[in-house]
C-alpha cells in the first residue's frame, strides 16, 4: 500500500499519509495562519530505501570456497562449485531475511532514507483553486 508525503520545495518531503488528498490537506493545515508561506505544495508517493540485503549469495559461496581452498588445499577445489541457480536464490532469500532481522534488531534499518516519486504540484492559492479537488500538474511519473 502506498503512502504519501508533502513538500514545499520539491526536495524535503514531510510525513506519511494514506492518500494523496490527506498529504495535501496536512500541507495546507501546516500553512494555515502563516503570513509568508509557499505558494506551491508538492505531493508524492513515498518509496522506501532499499536496505541492500539481497544479492549476497554468490559472494558468500565464492568466499566459502576460497577459504576452504586456503585452509584445506587442492582437495577443496570443487567445493561449492556446482551450486545451482535455484540453490543460490534460496541462499540469497535466507541471507536477506537474516540481514533484515539484524537491521531491525539493532535499529539500523534505513527508515529515514526514502525517495519520493509521482510528484504532483498543487497551487492552492491560484484563482482556479477549487477545494477539495485542487488543480494539479503531474511533474514526474518515475
C-alpha atoms as a PDB file:
ATOM      1  CA  UNK A   1       0.000   0.000   0.000  1.00  0.00           C
ATOM      2  CA  UNK A   2       1.385   3.392  -0.992  1.00  0.00           C
ATOM      3  CA  UNK A   3       1.928   6.250   1.406  1.00  0.00           C
ATOM      4  CA  UNK A   4       2.259   9.923   0.511  1.00  0.00           C
ATOM      5  CA  UNK A   5       4.224  12.939   1.732  1.00  0.00           C
ATOM      6  CA  UNK A   6       4.138  16.678   1.043  1.00  0.00           C
ATOM      7  CA  UNK A   7       6.828  19.281   0.404  1.00  0.00           C
ATOM      8  CA  UNK A   8       7.039  22.999  -0.176  1.00  0.00           C
ATOM      9  CA  UNK A   9      10.283  22.874  -2.172  1.00  0.00           C
ATOM     10  CA  UNK A  10      10.063  19.505  -4.004  1.00  0.00           C
ATOM     11  CA  UNK A  11      13.130  18.239  -2.118  1.00  0.00           C
ATOM     12  CA  UNK A  12      12.278  17.865   1.568  1.00  0.00           C
ATOM     13  CA  UNK A  13       9.158  15.728   1.955  1.00  0.00           C
ATOM     14  CA  UNK A  14       7.257  15.593   5.236  1.00  0.00           C
ATOM     15  CA  UNK A  15       5.048  12.924   6.786  1.00  0.00           C
ATOM     16  CA  UNK A  16       3.406   9.670   5.830  1.00  0.00           C
ATOM     17  CA  UNK A  17      -0.226   9.815   4.799  1.00  0.00           C
ATOM     18  CA  UNK A  18      -2.599   7.129   3.471  1.00  0.00           C
ATOM     19  CA  UNK A  19      -3.780   9.172   0.462  1.00  0.00           C
ATOM     20  CA  UNK A  20      -2.592  11.972  -1.770  1.00  0.00           C
ATOM     21  CA  UNK A  21      -5.506  14.105  -0.518  1.00  0.00           C
ATOM     22  CA  UNK A  22      -4.549  13.508   3.130  1.00  0.00           C
ATOM     23  CA  UNK A  23      -0.971  14.605   2.428  1.00  0.00           C
ATOM     24  CA  UNK A  24      -2.240  17.692   0.611  1.00  0.00           C
ATOM     25  CA  UNK A  25      -4.575  18.571   3.490  1.00  0.00           C
ATOM     26  CA  UNK A  26      -1.742  18.176   6.006  1.00  0.00           C
ATOM     27  CA  UNK A  27       0.374  20.520   3.920  1.00  0.00           C
ATOM     28  CA  UNK A  28      -2.458  23.059   3.786  1.00  0.00           C
ATOM     29  CA  UNK A  29      -3.116  22.717   7.526  1.00  0.00           C
ATOM     30  CA  UNK A  30       0.556  23.366   8.258  1.00  0.00           C
ATOM     31  CA  UNK A  31       0.401  26.562   6.173  1.00  0.00           C
ATOM     32  CA  UNK A  32      -2.745  27.857   7.887  1.00  0.00           C
ATOM     33  CA  UNK A  33      -2.104  31.150   9.607  1.00  0.00           C
ATOM     34  CA  UNK A  34       1.381  31.651   8.230  1.00  0.00           C
ATOM     35  CA  UNK A  35       1.908  35.069   6.665  1.00  0.00           C
ATOM     36  CA  UNK A  36       4.838  34.277   4.382  1.00  0.00           C
ATOM     37  CA  UNK A  37       4.103  30.758   3.221  1.00  0.00           C
ATOM     38  CA  UNK A  38       4.988  28.987  -0.027  1.00  0.00           C
ATOM     39  CA  UNK A  39       2.550  29.194  -2.910  1.00  0.00           C
ATOM     40  CA  UNK A  40       3.059  25.598  -4.086  1.00  0.00           C
ATOM     41  CA  UNK A  41       2.686  22.247  -2.386  1.00  0.00           C
ATOM     42  CA  UNK A  42       4.205  19.096  -3.845  1.00  0.00           C
ATOM     43  CA  UNK A  43       2.727  15.684  -3.014  1.00  0.00           C
ATOM     44  CA  UNK A  44       4.344  12.400  -3.961  1.00  0.00           C
ATOM     45  CA  UNK A  45       4.405   8.680  -3.285  1.00  0.00           C
ATOM     46  CA  UNK A  46       6.958   7.631  -0.664  1.00  0.00           C
ATOM     47  CA  UNK A  47       9.394   4.958  -1.850  1.00  0.00           C
ATOM     48  CA  UNK A  48      11.308   3.261   0.944  1.00  0.00           C
ATOM     49  CA  UNK A  49      15.068   2.927   0.622  1.00  0.00           C
ATOM     50  CA  UNK A  50      16.460  -0.474  -0.304  1.00  0.00           C
ATOM     51  CA  UNK A  51      18.418  -1.800   2.702  1.00  0.00           C
ATOM     52  CA  UNK A  52      20.711  -3.697   0.271  1.00  0.00           C
ATOM     53  CA  UNK A  53      20.002  -7.055   1.950  1.00  0.00           C
ATOM     54  CA  UNK A  54      19.783  -9.083  -1.274  1.00  0.00           C
ATOM     55  CA  UNK A  55      22.216 -10.467  -3.857  1.00  0.00           C
ATOM     56  CA  UNK A  56      24.888 -11.599  -1.411  1.00  0.00           C
ATOM     57  CA  UNK A  57      24.701 -15.371  -2.015  1.00  0.00           C
ATOM     58  CA  UNK A  58      27.228 -15.571  -4.849  1.00  0.00           C
ATOM     59  CA  UNK A  59      29.878 -13.666  -2.877  1.00  0.00           C
ATOM     60  CA  UNK A  60      29.242 -15.806   0.199  1.00  0.00           C
ATOM     61  CA  UNK A  61      29.605 -19.028  -1.802  1.00  0.00           C
ATOM     62  CA  UNK A  62      32.773 -17.737  -3.506  1.00  0.00           C
ATOM     63  CA  UNK A  63      34.246 -16.683  -0.168  1.00  0.00           C
ATOM     64  CA  UNK A  64      33.458 -20.044   1.446  1.00  0.00           C
ATOM     65  CA  UNK A  65      35.021 -21.931  -1.463  1.00  0.00           C
ATOM     66  CA  UNK A  66      38.131 -19.721  -1.441  1.00  0.00           C
ATOM     67  CA  UNK A  67      38.566 -20.066   2.325  1.00  0.00           C
ATOM     68  CA  UNK A  68      38.172 -23.861   2.126  1.00  0.00           C
ATOM     69  CA  UNK A  69      40.812 -23.966  -0.613  1.00  0.00           C
ATOM     70  CA  UNK A  70      43.192 -21.895   1.543  1.00  0.00           C
ATOM     71  CA  UNK A  71      42.548 -23.995   4.667  1.00  0.00           C
ATOM     72  CA  UNK A  72      42.421 -27.472   3.146  1.00  0.00           C
ATOM     73  CA  UNK A  73      44.318 -27.096  -0.084  1.00  0.00           C
ATOM     74  CA  UNK A  74      43.810 -28.560  -3.524  1.00  0.00           C
ATOM     75  CA  UNK A  75      41.312 -31.207  -2.416  1.00  0.00           C
ATOM     76  CA  UNK A  76      38.768 -28.400  -1.840  1.00  0.00           C
ATOM     77  CA  UNK A  77      38.999 -27.155  -5.436  1.00  0.00           C
ATOM     78  CA  UNK A  78      35.480 -28.365  -6.278  1.00  0.00           C
ATOM     79  CA  UNK A  79      33.858 -27.295  -3.012  1.00  0.00           C
ATOM     80  CA  UNK A  80      30.627 -25.391  -3.808  1.00  0.00           C
ATOM     81  CA  UNK A  81      31.466 -25.339  -7.499  1.00  0.00           C
ATOM     82  CA  UNK A  82      28.206 -26.996  -8.535  1.00  0.00           C
ATOM     83  CA  UNK A  83      25.705 -24.854  -6.651  1.00  0.00           C
ATOM     84  CA  UNK A  84      22.641 -24.442  -8.858  1.00  0.00           C
ATOM     85  CA  UNK A  85      20.962 -21.098  -9.599  1.00  0.00           C
ATOM     86  CA  UNK A  86      17.958 -22.250  -7.536  1.00  0.00           C
ATOM     87  CA  UNK A  87      20.223 -23.025  -4.566  1.00  0.00           C
ATOM     88  CA  UNK A  88      21.812 -19.567  -4.884  1.00  0.00           C
ATOM     89  CA  UNK A  89      18.360 -17.933  -4.936  1.00  0.00           C
ATOM     90  CA  UNK A  90      17.373 -19.919  -1.841  1.00  0.00           C
ATOM     91  CA  UNK A  91      20.551 -18.891  -0.018  1.00  0.00           C
ATOM     92  CA  UNK A  92      20.030 -15.277  -1.029  1.00  0.00           C
ATOM     93  CA  UNK A  93      16.470 -15.314   0.369  1.00  0.00           C
ATOM     94  CA  UNK A  94      17.701 -16.796   3.656  1.00  0.00           C
ATOM     95  CA  UNK A  95      20.566 -14.316   3.942  1.00  0.00           C
ATOM     96  CA  UNK A  96      18.239 -11.389   3.179  1.00  0.00           C
ATOM     97  CA  UNK A  97      15.861 -12.484   5.970  1.00  0.00           C
ATOM     98  CA  UNK A  98      18.748 -12.641   8.434  1.00  0.00           C
ATOM     99  CA  UNK A  99      20.117  -9.238   7.371  1.00  0.00           C
ATOM    100  CA  UNK A 100      16.689  -7.575   7.611  1.00  0.00           C
ATOM    101  CA  UNK A 101      16.103  -9.077  11.070  1.00  0.00           C
ATOM    102  CA  UNK A 102      19.578  -7.949  12.183  1.00  0.00           C
ATOM    103  CA  UNK A 103      18.978  -4.405  10.880  1.00  0.00           C
ATOM    104  CA  UNK A 104      15.679  -4.210  12.777  1.00  0.00           C
ATOM    105  CA  UNK A 105      17.067  -5.757  15.973  1.00  0.00           C
ATOM    106  CA  UNK A 106      19.864  -3.181  16.128  1.00  0.00           C
ATOM    107  CA  UNK A 107      17.693  -0.297  14.906  1.00  0.00           C
ATOM    108  CA  UNK A 108      19.824   0.097  11.775  1.00  0.00           C
ATOM    109  CA  UNK A 109      17.072  -0.321   9.183  1.00  0.00           C
ATOM    110  CA  UNK A 110      17.060   2.744   6.890  1.00  0.00           C
ATOM    111  CA  UNK A 111      13.631   4.058   7.971  1.00  0.00           C
ATOM    112  CA  UNK A 112      14.626   7.657   7.419  1.00  0.00           C
ATOM    113  CA  UNK A 113      16.085   7.094   3.935  1.00  0.00           C
ATOM    114  CA  UNK A 114      13.402   7.430   1.340  1.00  0.00           C
ATOM    115  CA  UNK A 115      12.671   8.850  -2.052  1.00  0.00           C
ATOM    116  CA  UNK A 116       9.522  10.344  -3.468  1.00  0.00           C
ATOM    117  CA  UNK A 117       8.112   9.700  -6.938  1.00  0.00           C
ATOM    118  CA  UNK A 118       4.991  10.553  -8.933  1.00  0.00           C
ATOM    119  CA  UNK A 119       5.190  14.085  -7.608  1.00  0.00           C
ATOM    120  CA  UNK A 120       2.268  16.409  -8.305  1.00  0.00           C
ATOM    121  CA  UNK A 121       2.416  20.172  -7.900  1.00  0.00           C
ATOM    122  CA  UNK A 122      -0.583  21.943  -6.370  1.00  0.00           C
ATOM    123  CA  UNK A 123      -1.263  25.681  -6.416  1.00  0.00           C
ATOM    124  CA  UNK A 124      -3.717  26.182  -3.542  1.00  0.00           C
ATOM    125  CA  UNK A 125      -3.646  29.972  -3.841  1.00  0.00           C
ATOM    126  CA  UNK A 126      -4.292  30.131  -7.571  1.00  0.00           C
ATOM    127  CA  UNK A 127      -7.530  31.729  -8.783  1.00  0.00           C
ATOM    128  CA  UNK A 128      -8.572  28.333 -10.198  1.00  0.00           C
ATOM    129  CA  UNK A 129      -8.379  26.718  -6.754  1.00  0.00           C
ATOM    130  CA  UNK A 130     -11.407  24.532  -6.042  1.00  0.00           C
ATOM    131  CA  UNK A 131     -11.470  22.553  -2.818  1.00  0.00           C
ATOM    132  CA  UNK A 132     -11.217  19.674  -2.299  1.00  0.00           C
ATOM    133  CA  UNK A 133     -10.207  18.889  -5.884  1.00  0.00           C
ATOM    134  CA  UNK A 134      -7.135  21.092  -6.275  1.00  0.00           C
ATOM    135  CA  UNK A 135      -5.773  21.769  -9.734  1.00  0.00           C
ATOM    136  CA  UNK A 136      -2.568  19.808 -10.146  1.00  0.00           C
ATOM    137  CA  UNK A 137       0.068  19.149 -12.726  1.00  0.00           C
ATOM    138  CA  UNK A 138       1.982  15.864 -12.749  1.00  0.00           C
ATOM    139  CA  UNK A 139       5.708  16.636 -12.697  1.00  0.00           C
ATOM    140  CA  UNK A 140       7.283  13.211 -12.618  1.00  0.00           C
ATOM    141  CA  UNK A 141       5.969   9.699 -13.049  1.00  0.00           C
ATOM    142  CA  UNK A 142       9.072   7.691 -12.375  1.00  0.00           C
END
